[in-house]
N, C-alpha and C. Protein backbone atom coordinates (compact mmCIF):
# COMPACT_ATOMS: atom_id res chain seq x y z
N MET A 1 -63.99 122.18 97.28
CA MET A 1 -63.53 120.85 97.03
C MET A 1 -64.10 119.89 97.49
N PRO A 2 -64.61 118.79 96.89
CA PRO A 2 -65.45 117.46 97.20
C PRO A 2 -64.63 116.90 98.08
N HIS A 3 -65.23 116.12 98.87
CA HIS A 3 -64.40 115.17 99.77
C HIS A 3 -64.95 113.48 99.48
N ASN A 4 -64.32 112.64 100.04
CA ASN A 4 -64.66 111.28 99.79
C ASN A 4 -64.74 110.65 100.99
N TYR A 5 -65.91 111.34 102.20
CA TYR A 5 -66.04 110.60 103.39
C TYR A 5 -66.99 109.40 103.35
N LYS A 6 -66.54 108.14 103.65
CA LYS A 6 -67.24 107.07 103.63
C LYS A 6 -67.71 106.48 104.84
N LEU A 7 -67.18 106.78 106.19
CA LEU A 7 -67.58 106.16 107.40
C LEU A 7 -67.35 107.32 108.32
N PHE A 8 -68.14 106.93 109.59
CA PHE A 8 -68.20 108.14 110.72
C PHE A 8 -66.81 108.38 111.15
N GLU A 9 -66.04 107.29 111.10
CA GLU A 9 -64.59 107.71 111.57
C GLU A 9 -63.70 108.48 110.73
N ASP A 10 -64.12 108.52 109.41
CA ASP A 10 -63.51 109.58 108.37
C ASP A 10 -63.86 110.84 108.63
N LEU A 11 -64.86 111.26 109.35
CA LEU A 11 -65.30 112.65 109.56
C LEU A 11 -64.41 113.26 110.40
N PRO A 12 -64.19 114.61 110.20
CA PRO A 12 -63.39 115.31 111.15
C PRO A 12 -64.19 115.25 112.45
N THR A 13 -63.39 115.36 113.60
CA THR A 13 -63.66 115.25 115.06
C THR A 13 -64.82 116.29 115.10
N SER A 14 -64.75 117.44 114.78
CA SER A 14 -65.78 118.42 115.03
C SER A 14 -67.18 118.06 114.54
N LEU A 15 -67.06 117.33 113.39
CA LEU A 15 -68.49 116.62 112.96
C LEU A 15 -68.94 115.57 113.48
N GLN A 16 -68.03 114.65 113.98
CA GLN A 16 -68.22 113.71 114.65
C GLN A 16 -68.97 113.88 116.04
N ASP A 17 -68.29 114.96 116.49
CA ASP A 17 -69.30 115.09 117.93
C ASP A 17 -70.48 115.88 117.74
N ARG A 18 -70.70 116.74 116.64
CA ARG A 18 -71.92 117.27 116.31
C ARG A 18 -73.03 116.20 115.91
N VAL A 19 -72.53 115.32 115.09
CA VAL A 19 -73.30 114.09 114.53
C VAL A 19 -73.83 113.42 115.77
N LYS A 20 -72.82 112.98 116.75
CA LYS A 20 -73.34 111.94 117.90
C LYS A 20 -74.38 112.35 118.70
N ALA A 21 -74.45 114.04 118.71
CA ALA A 21 -75.30 114.75 119.55
C ALA A 21 -76.62 114.48 119.01
N ILE A 22 -76.92 114.48 117.76
CA ILE A 22 -78.16 114.50 117.25
C ILE A 22 -78.60 113.08 116.57
N ALA A 23 -77.81 112.34 116.04
CA ALA A 23 -77.99 110.93 115.49
C ALA A 23 -78.64 109.86 116.46
N SER A 24 -79.29 108.99 115.83
CA SER A 24 -79.57 107.80 116.56
C SER A 24 -78.23 106.87 117.10
N ASP A 25 -78.64 105.93 117.87
CA ASP A 25 -77.45 104.99 118.23
C ASP A 25 -76.91 104.37 117.06
N ASP A 26 -77.59 104.07 115.84
CA ASP A 26 -76.67 103.65 114.79
C ASP A 26 -76.39 104.81 113.86
N VAL A 27 -75.28 105.42 114.18
CA VAL A 27 -74.81 106.49 113.41
C VAL A 27 -74.50 106.09 111.89
N GLU A 28 -73.82 105.03 111.74
CA GLU A 28 -73.23 104.59 110.36
C GLU A 28 -74.77 104.54 109.50
N SER A 29 -75.70 104.12 110.11
CA SER A 29 -76.82 104.03 109.15
C SER A 29 -77.61 105.11 108.77
N TRP A 30 -77.63 106.08 110.15
CA TRP A 30 -78.11 107.40 109.87
C TRP A 30 -77.39 108.38 108.89
N LEU A 31 -75.83 108.16 108.56
CA LEU A 31 -75.18 108.94 107.83
C LEU A 31 -75.60 108.69 106.39
N ARG A 32 -76.24 107.31 106.34
CA ARG A 32 -76.68 107.16 104.73
C ARG A 32 -78.10 107.20 104.46
N SER A 33 -78.73 107.67 105.54
CA SER A 33 -80.29 107.66 105.26
C SER A 33 -80.62 108.84 104.46
N PRO A 34 -81.64 108.90 103.82
CA PRO A 34 -82.10 110.22 103.16
C PRO A 34 -82.49 111.12 104.18
N ILE A 35 -82.27 112.53 104.08
CA ILE A 35 -82.55 113.53 104.95
C ILE A 35 -83.60 114.48 104.10
N PRO A 36 -84.84 114.53 104.21
CA PRO A 36 -85.75 115.58 103.69
C PRO A 36 -85.24 117.22 103.71
N ALA A 37 -84.51 117.49 104.79
CA ALA A 37 -84.22 118.93 104.83
C ALA A 37 -82.75 118.97 103.78
N LEU A 38 -82.29 117.83 103.43
CA LEU A 38 -81.12 117.88 102.39
C LEU A 38 -81.59 117.49 101.06
N ARG A 39 -82.94 117.74 100.78
CA ARG A 39 -83.42 117.28 99.47
C ARG A 39 -83.36 116.01 99.25
N GLY A 40 -83.46 115.04 100.31
CA GLY A 40 -83.77 113.58 100.23
C GLY A 40 -82.32 113.09 100.11
N LYS A 41 -80.99 113.70 100.23
CA LYS A 41 -79.74 113.42 99.99
C LYS A 41 -79.36 112.65 101.44
N SER A 42 -78.41 111.80 101.68
CA SER A 42 -78.03 111.44 102.94
C SER A 42 -77.05 112.44 103.30
N PHE A 43 -76.63 112.47 104.52
CA PHE A 43 -75.61 113.21 105.33
C PHE A 43 -74.31 113.10 104.65
N LEU A 44 -73.79 111.99 104.39
CA LEU A 44 -72.40 111.70 103.43
C LEU A 44 -72.70 112.25 101.90
N ASP A 45 -73.76 112.00 101.36
CA ASP A 45 -73.69 112.26 99.82
C ASP A 45 -73.55 113.87 99.80
N GLN A 46 -74.43 114.54 100.90
CA GLN A 46 -74.34 116.13 100.87
C GLN A 46 -72.81 116.59 101.16
N LEU A 47 -72.25 116.00 102.10
CA LEU A 47 -71.13 116.47 102.82
C LEU A 47 -69.97 116.23 101.73
N ASN A 48 -70.21 115.06 100.68
CA ASN A 48 -69.20 114.78 99.63
C ASN A 48 -69.36 115.70 98.43
N GLU A 49 -70.28 116.46 98.55
CA GLU A 49 -70.52 117.35 97.16
C GLU A 49 -69.53 118.49 97.29
N GLU A 50 -69.55 119.34 96.11
CA GLU A 50 -68.86 120.63 96.34
C GLU A 50 -69.81 121.52 97.26
N ASN A 51 -69.09 122.19 98.03
CA ASN A 51 -69.53 122.91 99.17
C ASN A 51 -70.30 122.35 100.29
N GLY A 52 -70.26 120.77 100.30
CA GLY A 52 -70.81 120.03 101.05
C GLY A 52 -70.65 120.37 102.65
N TYR A 53 -69.39 120.73 102.84
CA TYR A 53 -68.99 120.92 104.47
C TYR A 53 -70.00 122.13 104.75
N ALA A 54 -69.99 123.23 104.01
CA ALA A 54 -70.63 124.38 104.63
C ALA A 54 -72.00 123.89 104.72
N LYS A 55 -72.59 123.13 103.74
CA LYS A 55 -74.24 122.89 103.78
C LYS A 55 -74.50 121.91 104.98
N ILE A 56 -73.48 121.26 105.46
CA ILE A 56 -73.87 120.21 106.34
C ILE A 56 -73.51 121.17 107.81
N CYS A 57 -72.55 121.99 108.06
CA CYS A 57 -72.68 122.76 108.81
C CYS A 57 -73.79 123.46 109.30
N GLU A 58 -74.37 124.25 108.30
CA GLU A 58 -75.54 124.91 108.12
C GLU A 58 -76.81 124.00 108.50
N TYR A 59 -76.83 122.70 108.08
CA TYR A 59 -77.92 121.91 108.64
C TYR A 59 -77.72 121.51 109.83
N LEU A 60 -76.64 121.24 110.42
CA LEU A 60 -76.43 120.91 111.96
C LEU A 60 -76.68 121.91 112.76
N THR A 61 -76.31 123.24 112.41
CA THR A 61 -76.86 124.42 113.14
C THR A 61 -78.33 124.64 113.49
N LYS A 62 -78.86 124.44 112.46
CA LYS A 62 -80.31 124.41 112.51
C LYS A 62 -80.94 123.30 113.28
N VAL A 63 -80.48 122.13 113.23
CA VAL A 63 -80.96 121.00 113.84
C VAL A 63 -80.61 121.08 115.25
N GLU A 64 -79.24 121.72 115.83
CA GLU A 64 -79.11 121.77 116.98
C GLU A 64 -79.81 123.09 117.61
N GLY A 65 -80.32 124.22 116.89
CA GLY A 65 -81.16 125.00 117.53
C GLY A 65 -82.57 124.55 118.00
N TYR A 66 -83.07 123.59 116.82
CA TYR A 66 -84.52 122.97 117.32
C TYR A 66 -84.30 122.18 118.59
N MET A 67 -83.03 121.80 118.91
CA MET A 67 -82.87 120.73 120.04
C MET A 67 -82.77 121.37 121.36
N ARG A 68 -82.58 122.76 121.38
CA ARG A 68 -82.42 123.63 122.52
C ARG A 68 -83.76 123.86 123.29
């Protein structure tokens, strides 16, 4: 089921924590910037699509793996 997240504070706490760990200081801007690994979609655009939460979790897991 698609969501309608618009702001960082709208995200579930579990996602907020993960985003804070990888995003720039301007989290709100980062959430709206195109991300090549998401086919040029922004984090919020991808998250708000059908099955977006699962795709975002997969993306975050990959990024977190690169950061180790």
